N, C-alpha and C. Protein backbone atom coordinates (compact mmCIF):
# COMPACT_ATOMS: atom_id res chain seq x y z
N MET A 1 -42.42 140.29 -22.36
CA MET A 1 -42.86 141.51 -23.02
C MET A 1 -42.96 142.61 -22.01
N ALA A 2 -44.10 143.23 -21.98
CA ALA A 2 -44.33 144.38 -21.12
C ALA A 2 -44.86 143.93 -19.76
N GLY A 3 -44.32 142.83 -19.25
CA GLY A 3 -44.82 142.24 -18.02
C GLY A 3 -44.88 143.21 -16.87
N SER A 4 -43.92 144.08 -16.74
CA SER A 4 -43.91 145.01 -15.62
C SER A 4 -44.32 146.42 -16.03
N MET A 5 -44.65 146.64 -17.30
CA MET A 5 -45.03 147.99 -17.75
C MET A 5 -46.46 148.30 -17.37
N ARG A 6 -46.67 149.52 -16.88
CA ARG A 6 -48.01 150.01 -16.56
C ARG A 6 -48.41 151.03 -17.61
N PHE A 7 -49.44 150.71 -18.36
CA PHE A 7 -49.97 151.64 -19.36
C PHE A 7 -51.00 152.49 -18.64
N GLU A 8 -50.65 153.76 -18.43
CA GLU A 8 -51.45 154.60 -17.56
C GLU A 8 -52.41 155.53 -18.28
N ASP A 9 -52.07 155.98 -19.48
CA ASP A 9 -52.93 156.94 -20.15
C ASP A 9 -52.61 156.95 -21.64
N PHE A 10 -53.64 157.19 -22.44
CA PHE A 10 -53.46 157.35 -23.87
C PHE A 10 -54.52 158.30 -24.41
N SER A 11 -54.08 159.24 -25.20
CA SER A 11 -54.98 160.10 -25.96
C SER A 11 -54.20 160.50 -27.22
N PHE A 12 -54.87 161.14 -28.14
CA PHE A 12 -54.23 161.51 -29.40
C PHE A 12 -52.91 162.23 -29.14
N GLY A 13 -51.81 161.66 -29.62
CA GLY A 13 -50.49 162.28 -29.48
C GLY A 13 -49.82 162.11 -28.13
N PHE A 14 -50.39 161.28 -27.25
CA PHE A 14 -49.87 161.16 -25.89
C PHE A 14 -50.04 159.74 -25.38
N LEU A 15 -48.97 159.20 -24.82
CA LEU A 15 -49.00 157.88 -24.22
C LEU A 15 -48.18 157.95 -22.94
N GLN A 16 -48.71 157.37 -21.86
CA GLN A 16 -47.97 157.36 -20.60
C GLN A 16 -47.79 155.92 -20.15
N ILE A 17 -46.51 155.56 -19.96
CA ILE A 17 -46.15 154.23 -19.49
C ILE A 17 -45.21 154.38 -18.31
N ASP A 18 -45.56 153.75 -17.20
CA ASP A 18 -44.73 153.79 -15.99
C ASP A 18 -44.37 155.22 -15.57
N GLY A 19 -45.34 156.12 -15.69
CA GLY A 19 -45.14 157.50 -15.26
C GLY A 19 -44.39 158.37 -16.24
N VAL A 20 -43.97 157.82 -17.38
CA VAL A 20 -43.23 158.58 -18.38
C VAL A 20 -44.16 158.87 -19.56
N ALA A 21 -44.21 160.14 -19.96
CA ALA A 21 -45.06 160.56 -21.07
C ALA A 21 -44.28 160.51 -22.38
N TYR A 22 -44.94 160.00 -23.41
CA TYR A 22 -44.36 159.92 -24.74
C TYR A 22 -45.28 160.64 -25.71
N ASP A 23 -44.70 161.47 -26.58
CA ASP A 23 -45.49 162.14 -27.61
C ASP A 23 -45.04 161.67 -28.99
N TYR A 24 -44.50 160.48 -29.03
CA TYR A 24 -44.04 159.87 -30.27
C TYR A 24 -44.34 158.37 -30.21
N ASP A 25 -44.30 157.74 -31.38
CA ASP A 25 -44.53 156.30 -31.47
C ASP A 25 -43.45 155.55 -30.71
N VAL A 26 -43.85 154.44 -30.09
CA VAL A 26 -42.89 153.64 -29.33
C VAL A 26 -42.89 152.20 -29.81
N VAL A 27 -41.75 151.55 -29.58
CA VAL A 27 -41.57 150.13 -29.87
C VAL A 27 -41.25 149.45 -28.54
N ILE A 28 -41.94 148.36 -28.28
CA ILE A 28 -41.64 147.55 -27.09
C ILE A 28 -41.05 146.24 -27.60
N ASP A 29 -39.80 146.03 -27.23
CA ASP A 29 -39.05 144.87 -27.72
C ASP A 29 -38.50 144.10 -26.53
N ARG A 30 -39.14 142.99 -26.22
CA ARG A 30 -38.72 142.13 -25.10
C ARG A 30 -38.56 142.91 -23.80
N GLY A 31 -39.54 143.75 -23.51
CA GLY A 31 -39.55 144.51 -22.27
C GLY A 31 -38.83 145.83 -22.30
N GLU A 32 -38.13 146.11 -23.38
CA GLU A 32 -37.42 147.39 -23.52
C GLU A 32 -38.23 148.32 -24.41
N LEU A 33 -38.26 149.58 -24.05
CA LEU A 33 -39.03 150.57 -24.81
C LEU A 33 -38.09 151.52 -25.53
N ARG A 34 -38.40 151.81 -26.81
CA ARG A 34 -37.60 152.75 -27.58
C ARG A 34 -38.51 153.52 -28.52
N LYS A 35 -37.97 154.58 -29.06
CA LYS A 35 -38.70 155.39 -30.02
C LYS A 35 -38.76 154.65 -31.36
N ARG A 36 -39.93 154.71 -32.01
CA ARG A 36 -40.05 154.15 -33.35
C ARG A 36 -39.32 155.07 -34.33
N LYS A 37 -38.42 154.51 -35.07
CA LYS A 37 -37.71 155.28 -36.09
C LYS A 37 -38.32 154.93 -37.44
N LYS A 38 -39.15 155.84 -37.95
CA LYS A 38 -39.92 155.56 -39.15
C LYS A 38 -39.31 156.13 -40.43
N LYS A 39 -38.10 156.65 -40.34
CA LYS A 39 -37.46 157.25 -41.52
C LYS A 39 -37.40 156.27 -42.70
N ALA A 40 -37.14 155.01 -42.43
CA ALA A 40 -37.03 154.02 -43.50
C ALA A 40 -38.35 153.81 -44.23
N SER A 41 -39.47 154.15 -43.60
CA SER A 41 -40.79 153.99 -44.22
C SER A 41 -41.26 155.25 -44.94
N LYS A 42 -40.58 156.36 -44.74
CA LYS A 42 -41.02 157.63 -45.34
C LYS A 42 -41.12 157.60 -46.87
N PRO A 43 -40.27 156.85 -47.59
CA PRO A 43 -40.43 156.81 -49.05
C PRO A 43 -41.80 156.29 -49.51
N PHE A 44 -42.52 155.59 -48.64
CA PHE A 44 -43.83 155.04 -48.99
C PHE A 44 -44.98 155.98 -48.64
N ARG A 45 -44.67 157.11 -48.04
CA ARG A 45 -45.67 158.05 -47.55
C ARG A 45 -46.66 158.48 -48.63
N ASP A 46 -46.17 158.82 -49.81
CA ASP A 46 -47.05 159.30 -50.87
C ASP A 46 -48.06 158.24 -51.30
N ASP A 47 -47.67 156.98 -51.23
CA ASP A 47 -48.58 155.89 -51.61
C ASP A 47 -49.73 155.72 -50.63
N PHE A 48 -49.54 156.14 -49.38
CA PHE A 48 -50.53 155.90 -48.34
C PHE A 48 -51.14 157.17 -47.76
N GLY A 49 -50.58 158.33 -48.06
CA GLY A 49 -51.07 159.58 -47.48
C GLY A 49 -50.62 159.75 -46.04
N HIS A 50 -49.78 158.84 -45.57
CA HIS A 50 -49.30 158.83 -44.19
C HIS A 50 -48.10 157.88 -44.19
N THR A 51 -47.13 158.10 -43.35
CA THR A 51 -45.99 157.17 -43.29
C THR A 51 -46.48 155.84 -42.73
N PRO A 52 -46.41 154.78 -43.53
CA PRO A 52 -46.90 153.47 -43.07
C PRO A 52 -45.85 152.75 -42.22
N LEU A 53 -46.23 151.62 -41.69
CA LEU A 53 -45.27 150.70 -41.08
C LEU A 53 -44.82 149.77 -42.20
N SER A 54 -43.52 149.75 -42.47
CA SER A 54 -42.96 148.91 -43.53
C SER A 54 -41.90 147.97 -42.96
N VAL A 55 -41.56 146.96 -43.73
CA VAL A 55 -40.51 146.03 -43.30
C VAL A 55 -39.13 146.67 -43.31
N GLU A 56 -39.03 147.87 -43.85
CA GLU A 56 -37.76 148.59 -43.86
C GLU A 56 -37.38 149.09 -42.47
N GLU A 57 -38.36 149.16 -41.56
CA GLU A 57 -38.11 149.62 -40.19
C GLU A 57 -37.51 148.50 -39.34
N ASN A 58 -37.01 148.87 -38.17
CA ASN A 58 -36.47 147.92 -37.21
C ASN A 58 -37.63 147.35 -36.40
N ILE A 59 -38.30 146.36 -36.97
CA ILE A 59 -39.47 145.75 -36.33
C ILE A 59 -38.99 144.70 -35.33
N PRO A 60 -39.57 144.67 -34.13
CA PRO A 60 -39.13 143.73 -33.09
C PRO A 60 -39.69 142.32 -33.32
N TRP A 61 -39.08 141.57 -34.22
CA TRP A 61 -39.59 140.27 -34.64
C TRP A 61 -39.34 139.14 -33.64
N LYS A 62 -38.48 139.34 -32.65
CA LYS A 62 -38.15 138.24 -31.73
C LYS A 62 -39.27 138.07 -30.70
N CYS A 63 -40.37 137.46 -31.16
CA CYS A 63 -41.55 137.28 -30.32
C CYS A 63 -42.45 136.24 -30.99
N ARG A 64 -43.49 135.87 -30.29
CA ARG A 64 -44.51 135.00 -30.89
C ARG A 64 -45.68 135.82 -31.40
N ARG A 65 -45.90 136.99 -30.78
CA ARG A 65 -46.99 137.87 -31.18
C ARG A 65 -46.46 139.29 -31.26
N LEU A 66 -46.83 139.99 -32.33
CA LEU A 66 -46.49 141.39 -32.50
C LEU A 66 -47.79 142.18 -32.56
N VAL A 67 -47.97 143.07 -31.59
CA VAL A 67 -49.16 143.91 -31.53
C VAL A 67 -48.80 145.26 -32.13
N ILE A 68 -49.61 145.68 -33.09
CA ILE A 68 -49.41 146.99 -33.71
C ILE A 68 -50.60 147.86 -33.35
N GLY A 69 -50.33 148.91 -32.58
CA GLY A 69 -51.35 149.91 -32.26
C GLY A 69 -51.37 150.93 -33.39
N THR A 70 -52.48 151.01 -34.10
CA THR A 70 -52.57 151.80 -35.32
C THR A 70 -53.03 153.24 -35.11
N GLY A 71 -52.96 153.74 -33.87
CA GLY A 71 -53.27 155.13 -33.61
C GLY A 71 -54.64 155.33 -32.97
N ALA A 72 -54.91 156.58 -32.63
CA ALA A 72 -56.16 156.93 -31.95
C ALA A 72 -57.38 156.61 -32.80
N HIS A 73 -57.24 156.75 -34.10
CA HIS A 73 -58.36 156.48 -35.01
C HIS A 73 -58.10 155.25 -35.88
N GLY A 74 -57.06 154.50 -35.56
CA GLY A 74 -56.75 153.28 -36.29
C GLY A 74 -56.29 153.51 -37.72
N ALA A 75 -55.65 154.65 -37.99
CA ALA A 75 -55.34 155.03 -39.36
C ALA A 75 -53.90 154.73 -39.82
N LEU A 76 -53.04 154.18 -38.95
CA LEU A 76 -51.68 153.86 -39.39
C LEU A 76 -51.73 152.73 -40.41
N PRO A 77 -51.26 152.97 -41.64
CA PRO A 77 -51.23 151.88 -42.62
C PRO A 77 -50.13 150.89 -42.28
N VAL A 78 -50.46 149.61 -42.40
CA VAL A 78 -49.47 148.54 -42.23
C VAL A 78 -49.33 147.87 -43.59
N MET A 79 -48.14 147.94 -44.14
CA MET A 79 -47.92 147.41 -45.48
C MET A 79 -48.07 145.89 -45.52
N LYS A 80 -48.54 145.38 -46.64
CA LYS A 80 -48.75 143.93 -46.82
C LYS A 80 -47.46 143.15 -46.59
N GLU A 81 -46.32 143.77 -46.91
CA GLU A 81 -45.03 143.10 -46.71
C GLU A 81 -44.79 142.78 -45.23
N VAL A 82 -45.31 143.62 -44.34
CA VAL A 82 -45.19 143.36 -42.91
C VAL A 82 -45.99 142.10 -42.56
N GLU A 83 -47.19 142.00 -43.10
CA GLU A 83 -48.02 140.82 -42.86
C GLU A 83 -47.34 139.56 -43.40
N ARG A 84 -46.78 139.65 -44.60
CA ARG A 84 -46.10 138.49 -45.19
C ARG A 84 -44.86 138.09 -44.38
N GLU A 85 -44.11 139.09 -43.90
CA GLU A 85 -42.91 138.79 -43.10
C GLU A 85 -43.30 138.15 -41.77
N ALA A 86 -44.39 138.60 -41.17
CA ALA A 86 -44.87 137.98 -39.93
C ALA A 86 -45.22 136.51 -40.18
N ASP A 87 -45.93 136.25 -41.27
CA ASP A 87 -46.26 134.87 -41.62
C ASP A 87 -45.00 134.04 -41.82
N ARG A 88 -44.05 134.58 -42.56
CA ARG A 88 -42.81 133.87 -42.85
C ARG A 88 -42.06 133.51 -41.57
N ARG A 89 -42.11 134.41 -40.59
CA ARG A 89 -41.40 134.20 -39.32
C ARG A 89 -42.22 133.41 -38.29
N GLY A 90 -43.48 133.15 -38.59
CA GLY A 90 -44.34 132.46 -37.63
C GLY A 90 -44.76 133.34 -36.47
N VAL A 91 -44.85 134.64 -36.72
CA VAL A 91 -45.25 135.60 -35.68
C VAL A 91 -46.71 135.98 -35.92
N GLU A 92 -47.52 135.85 -34.87
CA GLU A 92 -48.91 136.29 -34.95
C GLU A 92 -48.93 137.81 -34.97
N LEU A 93 -49.57 138.39 -35.97
CA LEU A 93 -49.66 139.84 -36.10
C LEU A 93 -51.05 140.28 -35.68
N VAL A 94 -51.10 141.16 -34.68
CA VAL A 94 -52.37 141.68 -34.18
C VAL A 94 -52.36 143.18 -34.41
N THR A 95 -53.29 143.66 -35.23
CA THR A 95 -53.35 145.08 -35.59
C THR A 95 -54.65 145.65 -35.05
N LEU A 96 -54.54 146.63 -34.13
CA LEU A 96 -55.70 147.23 -33.46
C LEU A 96 -55.47 148.72 -33.27
N PRO A 97 -56.55 149.51 -33.14
CA PRO A 97 -56.34 150.90 -32.70
C PRO A 97 -55.54 150.89 -31.39
N THR A 98 -54.74 151.91 -31.19
CA THR A 98 -53.82 151.91 -30.05
C THR A 98 -54.49 151.70 -28.71
N HIS A 99 -55.66 152.30 -28.47
CA HIS A 99 -56.29 152.11 -27.15
C HIS A 99 -56.66 150.63 -26.93
N GLU A 100 -57.04 149.91 -27.99
CA GLU A 100 -57.34 148.49 -27.86
C GLU A 100 -56.05 147.68 -27.70
N ALA A 101 -55.01 148.08 -28.41
CA ALA A 101 -53.71 147.41 -28.29
C ALA A 101 -53.19 147.53 -26.86
N ILE A 102 -53.35 148.70 -26.27
CA ILE A 102 -52.91 148.91 -24.88
C ILE A 102 -53.71 148.01 -23.94
N GLY A 103 -54.99 147.87 -24.19
CA GLY A 103 -55.81 146.96 -23.38
C GLY A 103 -55.29 145.54 -23.44
N LEU A 104 -54.93 145.09 -24.63
CA LEU A 104 -54.36 143.75 -24.80
C LEU A 104 -53.01 143.63 -24.09
N LEU A 105 -52.16 144.63 -24.26
CA LEU A 105 -50.83 144.60 -23.63
C LEU A 105 -50.93 144.68 -22.11
N SER A 106 -51.96 145.31 -21.60
CA SER A 106 -52.15 145.42 -20.14
C SER A 106 -52.41 144.06 -19.50
N GLN A 107 -52.82 143.10 -20.32
CA GLN A 107 -53.05 141.74 -19.83
C GLN A 107 -51.74 140.96 -19.69
N ARG A 108 -50.65 141.62 -20.07
CA ARG A 108 -49.30 141.08 -19.94
C ARG A 108 -49.09 139.76 -20.68
N PRO A 109 -49.41 139.75 -21.96
CA PRO A 109 -49.20 138.51 -22.71
C PRO A 109 -47.72 138.19 -22.85
N ARG A 110 -47.40 136.91 -22.76
CA ARG A 110 -46.02 136.45 -22.87
C ARG A 110 -45.55 136.49 -24.31
N LYS A 111 -44.25 136.69 -24.48
CA LYS A 111 -43.59 136.65 -25.79
C LYS A 111 -44.28 137.54 -26.81
N THR A 112 -44.66 138.74 -26.34
CA THR A 112 -45.35 139.72 -27.18
C THR A 112 -44.55 141.00 -27.23
N ASN A 113 -44.30 141.48 -28.44
CA ASN A 113 -43.70 142.79 -28.66
C ASN A 113 -44.76 143.70 -29.24
N ALA A 114 -44.45 145.00 -29.35
CA ALA A 114 -45.45 145.94 -29.83
C ALA A 114 -44.84 147.16 -30.50
N ILE A 115 -45.63 147.74 -31.39
CA ILE A 115 -45.35 149.04 -31.98
C ILE A 115 -46.62 149.85 -31.76
N LEU A 116 -46.50 150.99 -31.07
CA LEU A 116 -47.67 151.79 -30.74
C LEU A 116 -47.58 153.15 -31.38
N HIS A 117 -48.54 153.43 -32.26
CA HIS A 117 -48.65 154.72 -32.95
C HIS A 117 -49.51 155.64 -32.08
N VAL A 118 -49.07 156.86 -31.84
CA VAL A 118 -49.79 157.71 -30.89
C VAL A 118 -50.70 158.77 -31.52
N THR A 119 -50.58 158.99 -32.83
CA THR A 119 -51.48 159.96 -33.45
C THR A 119 -52.51 159.22 -34.32
N CYS A 120 -52.97 159.84 -35.34
CA CYS A 120 -54.04 159.37 -36.24
C CYS A 120 -54.60 158.02 -35.85
């Protein structure tokens, strides 16, 4: 996972990893970092008042544990289908406010991927 990644700073709308600042949600997939592309989840926005995390997104399932950072205030909705898909795949799903998720990821857990929401 993020074995060599250094999580240096987080505040509402801002995340710094290895000296690089991000002002958007990120996905960590087997040590690689990319921007979260949430367009596939936008059709569900009206149901949640916010674009949720849905199974329609490119979720990094190739792991034993998936950590979802739900934002500065823990407000990112995670759809039930995501929980069901994690169960189906045998992936432990850990959903925490982003600052707590970063704390967990800083411990460098093995076979762990992540989705980190940087706002709400």
